Amino acid sequence: MCWKCGNSIAQGTFISRTSECPVCGADLHSCKNCRFYSPGAYYDCRETVSELVRDKEKSNFCDNFTIKLVFSGISEKNGATGKKGSEAGQSARDAFNSLFGSLICP
């Protein structure tokens, strides 16, 4: 599945370093499309990597790359930047404001 648009990628499809999503053109051999991608981990990767990949959305030469088959919160209808993420963000802001809103000076 494409990390950017949510387009399904057939299981078993060979993903080369130059492979792109046929729908949105995003690089498929990228950190954001890898099952080991984990924001907050060392170099944002659950595998041991020797050097940082700066742009997580662009194609790279990582030997540990394995395509991620499913992304939580993504459907073909709402895409990678769909409502689910923004609703969660608003919910977090509301919870923060209910706890600390009175402490913030106007």
PDB file of N, CA and C in Angstrom:
ATOM      1  N   MET A   1       0.844  -1.175   0.000  1.00  0.00           N
ATOM      2  CA  MET A   1       0.000   0.000   0.000  1.00  0.00           C
ATOM      3  C   MET A   1       0.890   1.239   0.000  1.00  0.00           C
ATOM      4  N   CYS A   2       0.537   2.202  -0.793  1.00  0.00           N
ATOM      5  CA  CYS A   2       1.308   3.442  -0.874  1.00  0.00           C
ATOM      6  C   CYS A   2       1.088   4.270   0.384  1.00  0.00           C
ATOM      7  N   TRP A   3       2.170   4.758   0.974  1.00  0.00           N
ATOM      8  CA  TRP A   3       2.090   5.562   2.201  1.00  0.00           C
ATOM      9  C   TRP A   3       1.412   6.906   1.955  1.00  0.00           C
ATOM     10  N   LYS A   4       1.455   7.387   0.725  1.00  0.00           N
ATOM     11  CA  LYS A   4       0.951   8.732   0.440  1.00  0.00           C
ATOM     12  C   LYS A   4      -0.531   8.758   0.066  1.00  0.00           C
ATOM     13  N   CYS A   5      -0.953   7.872  -0.826  1.00  0.00           N
ATOM     14  CA  CYS A   5      -2.339   7.927  -1.304  1.00  0.00           C
ATOM     15  C   CYS A   5      -3.186   6.740  -0.858  1.00  0.00           C
ATOM     16  N   GLY A   6      -2.551   5.691  -0.339  1.00  0.00           N
ATOM     17  CA  GLY A   6      -3.298   4.529   0.115  1.00  0.00           C
ATOM     18  C   GLY A   6      -3.597   3.523  -0.980  1.00  0.00           C
ATOM     19  N   ASN A   7      -3.040   3.713  -2.178  1.00  0.00           N
ATOM     20  CA  ASN A   7      -3.246   2.782  -3.282  1.00  0.00           C
ATOM     21  C   ASN A   7      -2.691   1.407  -2.921  1.00  0.00           C
ATOM     22  N   SER A   8      -3.453   0.356  -3.219  1.00  0.00           N
ATOM     23  CA  SER A   8      -3.007  -1.004  -2.931  1.00  0.00           C
ATOM     24  C   SER A   8      -1.880  -1.408  -3.870  1.00  0.00           C
ATOM     25  N   ILE A   9      -0.873  -2.046  -3.305  1.00  0.00           N
ATOM     26  CA  ILE A   9       0.225  -2.623  -4.082  1.00  0.00           C
ATOM     27  C   ILE A   9       0.105  -4.131  -3.900  1.00  0.00           C
ATOM     28  N   ALA A  10       0.012  -4.872  -4.991  1.00  0.00           N
ATOM     29  CA  ALA A  10      -0.189  -6.312  -4.906  1.00  0.00           C
ATOM     30  C   ALA A  10       0.931  -6.976  -4.114  1.00  0.00           C
ATOM     31  N   GLN A  11       0.535  -7.880  -3.204  1.00  0.00           N
ATOM     32  CA  GLN A  11       1.520  -8.599  -2.411  1.00  0.00           C
ATOM     33  C   GLN A  11       2.388  -9.428  -3.352  1.00  0.00           C
ATOM     34  N   GLY A  12       3.685  -9.404  -3.115  1.00  0.00           N
ATOM     35  CA  GLY A  12       4.624 -10.116  -3.961  1.00  0.00           C
ATOM     36  C   GLY A  12       5.193  -9.269  -5.087  1.00  0.00           C
ATOM     37  N   THR A  13       4.710  -8.043  -5.235  1.00  0.00           N
ATOM     38  CA  THR A  13       5.236  -7.135  -6.255  1.00  0.00           C
ATOM     39  C   THR A  13       6.667  -6.756  -5.907  1.00  0.00           C
ATOM     40  N   PHE A  14       7.579  -6.870  -6.868  1.00  0.00           N
ATOM     41  CA  PHE A  14       8.968  -6.482  -6.628  1.00  0.00           C
ATOM     42  C   PHE A  14       9.056  -4.963  -6.600  1.00  0.00           C
ATOM     43  N   ILE A  15       9.619  -4.436  -5.518  1.00  0.00           N
ATOM     44  CA  ILE A  15       9.795  -2.992  -5.366  1.00  0.00           C
ATOM     45  C   ILE A  15      11.280  -2.683  -5.525  1.00  0.00           C
ATOM     46  N   SER A  16      11.633  -2.034  -6.629  1.00  0.00           N
ATOM     47  CA  SER A  16      13.027  -1.635  -6.844  1.00  0.00           C
ATOM     48  C   SER A  16      13.240  -0.235  -6.286  1.00  0.00           C
ATOM     49  N   ARG A  17      14.470   0.226  -6.303  1.00  0.00           N
ATOM     50  CA  ARG A  17      14.777   1.556  -5.786  1.00  0.00           C
ATOM     51  C   ARG A  17      14.076   2.657  -6.585  1.00  0.00           C
ATOM     52  N   THR A  18      13.733   2.382  -7.818  1.00  0.00           N
ATOM     53  CA  THR A  18      13.106   3.405  -8.666  1.00  0.00           C
ATOM     54  C   THR A  18      11.592   3.225  -8.819  1.00  0.00           C
ATOM     55  N   SER A  19      11.004   2.272  -8.103  1.00  0.00           N
ATOM     56  CA  SER A  19       9.561   2.029  -8.213  1.00  0.00           C
ATOM     57  C   SER A  19       8.759   3.207  -7.673  1.00  0.00           C
ATOM     58  N   GLU A  20       7.694   3.537  -8.393  1.00  0.00           N
ATOM     59  CA  GLU A  20       6.805   4.627  -7.989  1.00  0.00           C
ATOM     60  C   GLU A  20       5.368   4.131  -7.943  1.00  0.00           C
ATOM     61  N   CYS A  21       4.554   4.774  -7.128  1.00  0.00           N
ATOM     62  CA  CYS A  21       3.129   4.475  -7.066  1.00  0.00           C
ATOM     63  C   CYS A  21       2.504   4.853  -8.408  1.00  0.00           C
ATOM     64  N   PRO A  22       1.735   3.954  -9.024  1.00  0.00           N
ATOM     65  CA  PRO A  22       1.125   4.281 -10.314  1.00  0.00           C
ATOM     66  C   PRO A  22       0.032   5.347 -10.214  1.00  0.00           C
ATOM     67  N   VAL A  23      -0.467   5.617  -9.017  1.00  0.00           N
ATOM     68  CA  VAL A  23      -1.540   6.598  -8.844  1.00  0.00           C
ATOM     69  C   VAL A  23      -0.992   7.989  -8.551  1.00  0.00           C
ATOM     70  N   CYS A  24      -0.131   8.107  -7.517  1.00  0.00           N
ATOM     71  CA  CYS A  24       0.320   9.443  -7.096  1.00  0.00           C
ATOM     72  C   CYS A  24       1.781   9.741  -7.438  1.00  0.00           C
ATOM     73  N   GLY A  25       2.543   8.725  -7.863  1.00  0.00           N
ATOM     74  CA  GLY A  25       3.930   8.941  -8.252  1.00  0.00           C
ATOM     75  C   GLY A  25       4.921   8.977  -7.102  1.00  0.00           C
ATOM     76  N   ALA A  26       4.479   8.674  -5.873  1.00  0.00           N
ATOM     77  CA  ALA A  26       5.388   8.669  -4.717  1.00  0.00           C
ATOM     78  C   ALA A  26       6.373   7.510  -4.834  1.00  0.00           C
ATOM     79  N   ASP A  27       7.601   7.725  -4.357  1.00  0.00           N
ATOM     80  CA  ASP A  27       8.599   6.657  -4.341  1.00  0.00           C
ATOM     81  C   ASP A  27       8.127   5.551  -3.405  1.00  0.00           C
ATOM     82  N   LEU A  28       8.174   4.298  -3.871  1.00  0.00           N
ATOM     83  CA  LEU A  28       7.736   3.181  -3.038  1.00  0.00           C
ATOM     84  C   LEU A  28       8.860   2.639  -2.163  1.00  0.00           C
ATOM     85  N   HIS A  29      10.118   2.701  -2.638  1.00  0.00           N
ATOM     86  CA  HIS A  29      11.263   2.208  -1.855  1.00  0.00           C
ATOM     87  C   HIS A  29      11.744   3.341  -0.954  1.00  0.00           C
ATOM     88  N   SER A  30      10.904   3.696   0.015  1.00  0.00           N
ATOM     89  CA  SER A  30      11.207   4.803   0.923  1.00  0.00           C
ATOM     90  C   SER A  30      10.939   4.371   2.361  1.00  0.00           C
ATOM     91  N   CYS A  31      11.500   5.108   3.294  1.00  0.00           N
ATOM     92  CA  CYS A  31      11.316   4.783   4.711  1.00  0.00           C
ATOM     93  C   CYS A  31       9.840   4.726   5.088  1.00  0.00           C
ATOM     94  N   LYS A  32       9.068   5.686   4.627  1.00  0.00           N
ATOM     95  CA  LYS A  32       7.658   5.737   5.008  1.00  0.00           C
ATOM     96  C   LYS A  32       6.865   4.554   4.482  1.00  0.00           C
ATOM     97  N   ASN A  33       7.391   3.838   3.521  1.00  0.00           N
ATOM     98  CA  ASN A  33       6.711   2.675   2.971  1.00  0.00           C
ATOM     99  C   ASN A  33       7.296   1.371   3.506  1.00  0.00           C
ATOM    100  N   CYS A  34       8.223   1.456   4.442  1.00  0.00           N
ATOM    101  CA  CYS A  34       8.913   0.277   4.968  1.00  0.00           C
ATOM    102  C   CYS A  34       8.283  -0.195   6.274  1.00  0.00           C
ATOM    103  N   ARG A  35       8.221  -1.498   6.451  1.00  0.00           N
ATOM    104  CA  ARG A  35       7.631  -2.031   7.682  1.00  0.00           C
ATOM    105  C   ARG A  35       8.482  -1.737   8.909  1.00  0.00           C
ATOM    106  N   PHE A  36       9.747  -1.380   8.742  1.00  0.00           N
ATOM    107  CA  PHE A  36      10.625  -1.073   9.869  1.00  0.00           C
ATOM    108  C   PHE A  36      10.615   0.407  10.254  1.00  0.00           C
ATOM    109  N   TYR A  37       9.943   1.245   9.475  1.00  0.00           N
ATOM    110  CA  TYR A  37       9.870   2.679   9.769  1.00  0.00           C
ATOM    111  C   TYR A  37       9.133   2.886  11.087  1.00  0.00           C
ATOM    112  N   SER A  38       9.788   3.580  12.006  1.00  0.00           N
ATOM    113  CA  SER A  38       9.219   3.810  13.330  1.00  0.00           C
ATOM    114  C   SER A  38       9.669   5.171  13.845  1.00  0.00           C
ATOM    115  N   PRO A  39       8.879   6.221  13.603  1.00  0.00           N
ATOM    116  CA  PRO A  39       9.255   7.558  14.075  1.00  0.00           C
ATOM    117  C   PRO A  39       9.518   7.545  15.580  1.00  0.00           C
ATOM    118  N   GLY A  40      10.629   8.134  15.963  1.00  0.00           N
ATOM    119  CA  GLY A  40      11.019   8.168  17.367  1.00  0.00           C
ATOM    120  C   GLY A  40      12.095   7.156  17.706  1.00  0.00           C
ATOM    121  N   ALA A  41      12.211   6.101  16.901  1.00  0.00           N
ATOM    122  CA  ALA A  41      13.284   5.133  17.102  1.00  0.00           C
ATOM    123  C   ALA A  41      14.591   5.737  16.579  1.00  0.00           C
ATOM    124  N   TYR A  42      15.718   5.106  16.891  1.00  0.00           N
ATOM    125  CA  TYR A  42      17.012   5.578  16.408  1.00  0.00           C
ATOM    126  C   TYR A  42      16.984   5.618  14.890  1.00  0.00           C
ATOM    127  N   TYR A  43      17.239   6.777  14.314  1.00  0.00           N
ATOM    128  CA  TYR A  43      17.144   7.022  12.864  1.00  0.00           C
ATOM    129  C   TYR A  43      15.753   6.689  12.322  1.00  0.00           C
ATOM    130  N   ASP A  44      14.749   6.657  13.176  1.00  0.00           N
ATOM    131  CA  ASP A  44      13.361   6.347  12.811  1.00  0.00           C
ATOM    132  C   ASP A  44      13.214   4.961  12.188  1.00  0.00           C
ATOM    133  N   CYS A  45      14.035   4.013  12.646  1.00  0.00           N
ATOM    134  CA  CYS A  45      14.017   2.668  12.080  1.00  0.00           C
ATOM    135  C   CYS A  45      14.173   1.623  13.182  1.00  0.00           C
ATOM    136  N   ARG A  46      13.386   0.530  13.097  1.00  0.00           N
ATOM    137  CA  ARG A  46      13.500  -0.556  14.071  1.00  0.00           C
ATOM    138  C   ARG A  46      14.654  -1.493  13.746  1.00  0.00           C
ATOM    139  N   GLU A  47      15.235  -1.379  12.579  1.00  0.00           N
ATOM    140  CA  GLU A  47      16.411  -2.161  12.210  1.00  0.00           C
ATOM    141  C   GLU A  47      17.668  -1.374  12.561  1.00  0.00           C
ATOM    142  N   THR A  48      18.781  -2.062  12.703  1.00  0.00           N
ATOM    143  CA  THR A  48      20.054  -1.391  12.951  1.00  0.00           C
ATOM    144  C   THR A  48      20.584  -0.871  11.620  1.00  0.00           C
ATOM    145  N   VAL A  49      20.639   0.440  11.500  1.00  0.00           N
ATOM    146  CA  VAL A  49      21.147   1.057  10.276  1.00  0.00           C
ATOM    147  C   VAL A  49      22.359   1.907  10.618  1.00  0.00           C
ATOM    148  N   SER A  50      23.314   1.956   9.700  1.00  0.00           N
ATOM    149  CA  SER A  50      24.572   2.647   9.985  1.00  0.00           C
ATOM    150  C   SER A  50      24.537   4.133   9.660  1.00  0.00           C
ATOM    151  N   GLU A  51      23.627   4.546   8.788  1.00  0.00           N
ATOM    152  CA  GLU A  51      23.585   5.971   8.452  1.00  0.00           C
ATOM    153  C   GLU A  51      22.148   6.455   8.310  1.00  0.00           C
ATOM    154  N   LEU A  52      21.968   7.726   8.597  1.00  0.00           N
ATOM    155  CA  LEU A  52      20.658   8.358   8.568  1.00  0.00           C
ATOM    156  C   LEU A  52      20.171   8.568   7.136  1.00  0.00           C
ATOM    157  N   VAL A  53      18.919   8.235   6.904  1.00  0.00           N
ATOM    158  CA  VAL A  53      18.249   8.595   5.660  1.00  0.00           C
ATOM    159  C   VAL A  53      17.464   9.856   5.981  1.00  0.00           C
ATOM    160  N   ARG A  54      17.875  10.976   5.417  1.00  0.00           N
ATOM    161  CA  ARG A  54      17.285  12.270   5.789  1.00  0.00           C
ATOM    162  C   ARG A  54      15.851  12.445   5.301  1.00  0.00           C
ATOM    163  N   ASP A  55      15.596  12.149   4.040  1.00  0.00           N
ATOM    164  CA  ASP A  55      14.254  12.336   3.498  1.00  0.00           C
ATOM    165  C   ASP A  55      13.534  10.989   3.500  1.00  0.00           C
ATOM    166  N   LYS A  56      12.633  10.815   4.424  1.00  0.00           N
ATOM    167  CA  LYS A  56      11.926   9.542   4.615  1.00  0.00           C
ATOM    168  C   LYS A  56      10.904   9.264   3.513  1.00  0.00           C
ATOM    169  N   GLU A  57      10.608  10.262   2.692  1.00  0.00           N
ATOM    170  CA  GLU A  57       9.618  10.105   1.633  1.00  0.00           C
ATOM    171  C   GLU A  57      10.241   9.794   0.275  1.00  0.00           C
ATOM    172  N   LYS A  58      11.550   9.888   0.163  1.00  0.00           N
ATOM    173  CA  LYS A  58      12.237   9.674  -1.114  1.00  0.00           C
ATOM    174  C   LYS A  58      12.885   8.294  -1.161  1.00  0.00           C
ATOM    175  N   SER A  59      13.126   7.831  -2.363  1.00  0.00           N
ATOM    176  CA  SER A  59      13.781   6.551  -2.588  1.00  0.00           C
ATOM    177  C   SER A  59      15.165   6.535  -1.954  1.00  0.00           C
ATOM    178  N   ASN A  60      15.579   5.354  -1.452  1.00  0.00           N
ATOM    179  CA  ASN A  60      16.890   5.240  -0.820  1.00  0.00           C
ATOM    180  C   ASN A  60      17.521   3.886  -1.144  1.00  0.00           C
ATOM    181  N   PHE A  61      18.737   3.681  -0.662  1.00  0.00           N
ATOM    182  CA  PHE A  61      19.487   2.460  -0.956  1.00  0.00           C
ATOM    183  C   PHE A  61      19.473   1.469   0.204  1.00  0.00           C
ATOM    184  N   CYS A  62      18.564   1.590   1.146  1.00  0.00           N
ATOM    185  CA  CYS A  62      18.552   0.749   2.343  1.00  0.00           C
ATOM    186  C   CYS A  62      18.358  -0.728   1.985  1.00  0.00           C
ATOM    187  N   ASP A  63      19.245  -1.575   2.509  1.00  0.00           N
ATOM    188  CA  ASP A  63      19.155  -3.015   2.268  1.00  0.00           C
ATOM    189  C   ASP A  63      18.089  -3.681   3.132  1.00  0.00           C
ATOM    190  N   ASN A  64      17.653  -3.016   4.197  1.00  0.00           N
ATOM    191  CA  ASN A  64      16.660  -3.593   5.109  1.00  0.00           C
ATOM    192  C   ASN A  64      15.222  -3.358   4.652  1.00  0.00           C
ATOM    193  N   PHE A  65      15.030  -2.628   3.560  1.00  0.00           N
ATOM    194  CA  PHE A  65      13.681  -2.264   3.124  1.00  0.00           C
ATOM    195  C   PHE A  65      12.805  -3.487   2.890  1.00  0.00           C
ATOM    196  N   THR A  66      11.634  -3.461   3.508  1.00  0.00           N
ATOM    197  CA  THR A  66      10.586  -4.445   3.277  1.00  0.00           C
ATOM    198  C   THR A  66       9.276  -3.675   3.204  1.00  0.00           C
ATOM    199  N   ILE A  67       8.516  -3.884   2.148  1.00  0.00           N
ATOM    200  CA  ILE A  67       7.291  -3.111   1.948  1.00  0.00           C
ATOM    201  C   ILE A  67       6.309  -3.328   3.093  1.00  0.00           C
ATOM    202  N   LYS A  68       5.722  -2.235   3.557  1.00  0.00           N
ATOM    203  CA  LYS A  68       4.675  -2.310   4.574  1.00  0.00           C
ATOM    204  C   LYS A  68       3.372  -2.556   3.832  1.00  0.00           C
ATOM    205  N   LEU A  69       2.640  -3.587   4.237  1.00  0.00           N
ATOM    206  CA  LEU A  69       1.436  -3.959   3.507  1.00  0.00           C
ATOM    207  C   LEU A  69       0.199  -3.186   3.948  1.00  0.00           C
ATOM    208  N   VAL A  70       0.154  -2.763   5.211  1.00  0.00           N
ATOM    209  CA  VAL A  70      -1.031  -2.082   5.730  1.00  0.00           C
ATOM    210  C   VAL A  70      -0.606  -0.892   6.570  1.00  0.00           C
ATOM    211  N   PHE A  71      -1.295   0.212   6.408  1.00  0.00           N
ATOM    212  CA  PHE A  71      -1.072   1.404   7.221  1.00  0.00           C
ATOM    213  C   PHE A  71      -2.315   1.640   8.051  1.00  0.00           C
ATOM    214  N   SER A  72      -2.157   1.860   9.341  1.00  0.00           N
ATOM    215  CA  SER A  72      -3.321   2.151  10.177  1.00  0.00           C
ATOM    216  C   SER A  72      -3.826   3.555   9.874  1.00  0.00           C
ATOM    217  N   GLY A  73      -5.136   3.692   9.789  1.00  0.00           N
ATOM    218  CA  GLY A  73      -5.732   5.007   9.564  1.00  0.00           C
ATOM    219  C   GLY A  73      -5.798   5.440   8.118  1.00  0.00           C
ATOM    220  N   ILE A  74      -5.366   4.586   7.187  1.00  0.00           N
ATOM    221  CA  ILE A  74      -5.401   4.959   5.770  1.00  0.00           C
ATOM    222  C   ILE A  74      -6.412   4.074   5.052  1.00  0.00           C
ATOM    223  N   SER A  75      -7.227   4.673   4.273  1.00  0.00           N
ATOM    224  CA  SER A  75      -8.105   3.928   3.386  1.00  0.00           C
ATOM    225  C   SER A  75      -8.030   4.592   2.023  1.00  0.00           C
ATOM    226  N   GLU A  76      -8.548   3.936   1.024  1.00  0.00           N
ATOM    227  CA  GLU A  76      -8.516   4.537  -0.305  1.00  0.00           C
ATOM    228  C   GLU A  76      -9.359   5.806  -0.333  1.00  0.00           C
ATOM    229  N   LYS A  77     -10.320   5.909   0.563  1.00  0.00           N
ATOM    230  CA  LYS A  77     -11.204   7.064   0.581  1.00  0.00           C
ATOM    231  C   LYS A  77     -10.541   8.291   1.195  1.00  0.00           C
ATOM    232  N   ASN A  78      -9.825   8.124   2.336  1.00  0.00           N
ATOM    233  CA  ASN A  78      -9.286   9.310   3.004  1.00  0.00           C
ATOM    234  C   ASN A  78      -7.802   9.534   2.775  1.00  0.00           C
ATOM    235  N   GLY A  79      -7.083   8.571   2.228  1.00  0.00           N
ATOM    236  CA  GLY A  79      -5.662   8.758   1.931  1.00  0.00           C
ATOM    237  C   GLY A  79      -4.802   8.915   3.163  1.00  0.00           C
ATOM    238  N   ALA A  80      -3.522   9.193   2.954  1.00  0.00           N
ATOM    239  CA  ALA A  80      -2.566   9.267   4.050  1.00  0.00           C
ATOM    240  C   ALA A  80      -2.778  10.487   4.927  1.00  0.00           C
ATOM    241  N   THR A  81      -3.405  11.515   4.421  1.00  0.00           N
ATOM    242  CA  THR A  81      -3.620  12.727   5.213  1.00  0.00           C
ATOM    243  C   THR A  81      -5.102  12.937   5.467  1.00  0.00           C
ATOM    244  N   GLY A  82      -5.824  11.827   5.620  1.00  0.00           N
ATOM    245  CA  GLY A  82      -7.265  11.894   5.781  1.00  0.00           C
ATOM    246  C   GLY A  82      -7.727  12.419   7.119  1.00  0.00           C
ATOM    247  N   LYS A  83      -9.029  12.346   7.329  1.00  0.00           N
ATOM    248  CA  LYS A  83      -9.665  12.927   8.499  1.00  0.00           C
ATOM    249  C   LYS A  83      -9.226  12.280   9.799  1.00  0.00           C
ATOM    250  N   LYS A  84      -8.945  10.996   9.780  1.00  0.00           N
ATOM    251  CA  LYS A  84      -8.651  10.293  11.022  1.00  0.00           C
ATOM    252  C   LYS A  84      -7.510  10.947  11.791  1.00  0.00           C
ATOM    253  N   GLY A  85      -6.429  11.316  11.115  1.00  0.00           N
ATOM    254  CA  GLY A  85      -5.292  11.956  11.773  1.00  0.00           C
ATOM    255  C   GLY A  85      -5.629  13.332  12.307  1.00  0.00           C
ATOM    256  N   SER A  86      -6.383  14.118  11.541  1.00  0.00           N
ATOM    257  CA  SER A  86      -6.718  15.463  11.992  1.00  0.00           C
ATOM    258  C   SER A  86      -7.702  15.424  13.149  1.00  0.00           C
ATOM    259  N   GLU A  87      -8.604  14.439  13.146  1.00  0.00           N
ATOM    260  CA  GLU A  87      -9.533  14.289  14.267  1.00  0.00           C
ATOM    261  C   GLU A  87      -8.782  13.910  15.534  1.00  0.00           C
ATOM    262  N   ALA A  88      -7.791  13.030  15.415  1.00  0.00           N
ATOM    263  CA  ALA A  88      -6.989  12.638  16.573  1.00  0.00           C
ATOM    264  C   ALA A  88      -6.202  13.831  17.095  1.00  0.00           C
ATOM    265  N   GLY A  89      -5.674  14.649  16.195  1.00  0.00           N
ATOM    266  CA  GLY A  89      -4.931  15.842  16.598  1.00  0.00           C
ATOM    267  C   GLY A  89      -5.818  16.831  17.325  1.00  0.00           C
ATOM    268  N   GLN A  90      -7.029  17.022  16.816  1.00  0.00           N
ATOM    269  CA  GLN A  90      -7.962  17.944  17.467  1.00  0.00           C
ATOM    270  C   GLN A  90      -8.371  17.413  18.833  1.00  0.00           C
ATOM    271  N   SER A  91      -8.576  16.112  18.929  1.00  0.00           N
ATOM    272  CA  SER A  91      -8.932  15.504  20.211  1.00  0.00           C
ATOM    273  C   SER A  91      -7.821  15.704  21.236  1.00  0.00           C
ATOM    274  N   ALA A  92      -6.572  15.561  20.805  1.00  0.00           N
ATOM    275  CA  ALA A  92      -5.433  15.773  21.705  1.00  0.00           C
ATOM    276  C   ALA A  92      -5.355  17.233  22.146  1.00  0.00           C
ATOM    277  N   ARG A  93      -5.587  18.157  21.212  1.00  0.00           N
ATOM    278  CA  ARG A  93      -5.581  19.585  21.568  1.00  0.00           C
ATOM    279  C   ARG A  93      -6.689  19.914  22.564  1.00  0.00           C
ATOM    280  N   ASP A  94      -7.870  19.348  22.353  1.00  0.00           N
ATOM    281  CA  ASP A  94      -8.991  19.591  23.266  1.00  0.00           C
ATOM    282  C   ASP A  94      -8.687  19.067  24.663  1.00  0.00           C
ATOM    283  N   ALA A  95      -8.089  17.869  24.744  1.00  0.00           N
ATOM    284  CA  ALA A  95      -7.732  17.301  26.043  1.00  0.00           C
ATOM    285  C   ALA A  95      -6.686  18.167  26.737  1.00  0.00           C
ATOM    286  N   PHE A  96      -5.695  18.635  25.995  1.00  0.00           N
ATOM    287  CA  PHE A  96      -4.663  19.505  26.565  1.00  0.00           C
ATOM    288  C   PHE A  96      -5.281  20.795  27.091  1.00  0.00           C
ATOM    289  N   ASN A  97      -6.124  21.412  26.275  1.00  0.00           N
ATOM    290  CA  ASN A  97      -6.751  22.673  26.679  1.00  0.00           C
ATOM    291  C   ASN A  97      -7.661  22.506  27.888  1.00  0.00           C
ATOM    292  N   SER A  98      -8.331  21.353  27.999  1.00  0.00           N
ATOM    293  CA  SER A  98      -9.191  21.148  29.167  1.00  0.00           C
ATOM    294  C   SER A  98      -8.365  20.997  30.441  1.00  0.00           C
ATOM    295  N   LEU A  99      -7.155  20.472  30.322  1.00  0.00           N
ATOM    296  CA  LEU A  99      -6.283  20.321  31.493  1.00  0.00           C
ATOM    297  C   LEU A  99      -5.533  21.598  31.835  1.00  0.00           C
ATOM    298  N   PHE A 100      -4.996  22.259  30.825  1.00  0.00           N
ATOM    299  CA  PHE A 100      -4.084  23.370  31.068  1.00  0.00           C
ATOM    300  C   PHE A 100      -4.569  24.713  30.532  1.00  0.00           C
ATOM    301  N   GLY A 101      -5.731  24.758  29.952  1.00  0.00           N
ATOM    302  CA  GLY A 101      -6.229  25.981  29.337  1.00  0.00           C
ATOM    303  C   GLY A 101      -6.299  27.162  30.286  1.00  0.00           C
ATOM    304  N   SER A 102      -6.650  26.916  31.542  1.00  0.00           N
ATOM    305  CA  SER A 102      -6.779  28.019  32.500  1.00  0.00           C
ATOM    306  C   SER A 102      -5.422  28.546  32.958  1.00  0.00           C
ATOM    307  N   LEU A 103      -4.354  27.785  32.720  1.00  0.00           N
ATOM    308  CA  LEU A 103      -3.014  28.203  33.132  1.00  0.00           C
ATOM    309  C   LEU A 103      -2.346  29.110  32.112  1.00  0.00           C
ATOM    310  N   ILE A 104      -2.851  29.107  30.896  1.00  0.00           N
ATOM    311  CA  ILE A 104      -2.250  29.900  29.829  1.00  0.00           C
ATOM    312  C   ILE A 104      -2.731  31.338  29.946  1.00  0.00           C
ATOM    313  N   CYS A 105      -1.798  32.262  29.956  1.00  0.00           N
ATOM    314  CA  CYS A 105      -2.136  33.687  30.070  1.00  0.00           C
ATOM    315  C   CYS A 105      -2.765  34.178  28.768  1.00  0.00           C
ATOM    316  N   PRO A 106      -3.771  35.060  28.844  1.00  0.00           N
ATOM    317  CA  PRO A 106      -4.423  35.560  27.626  1.00  0.00           C
ATOM    318  C   PRO A 106      -3.524  36.474  26.832  1.00  0.00           C
TER     319      PRO A 106
END
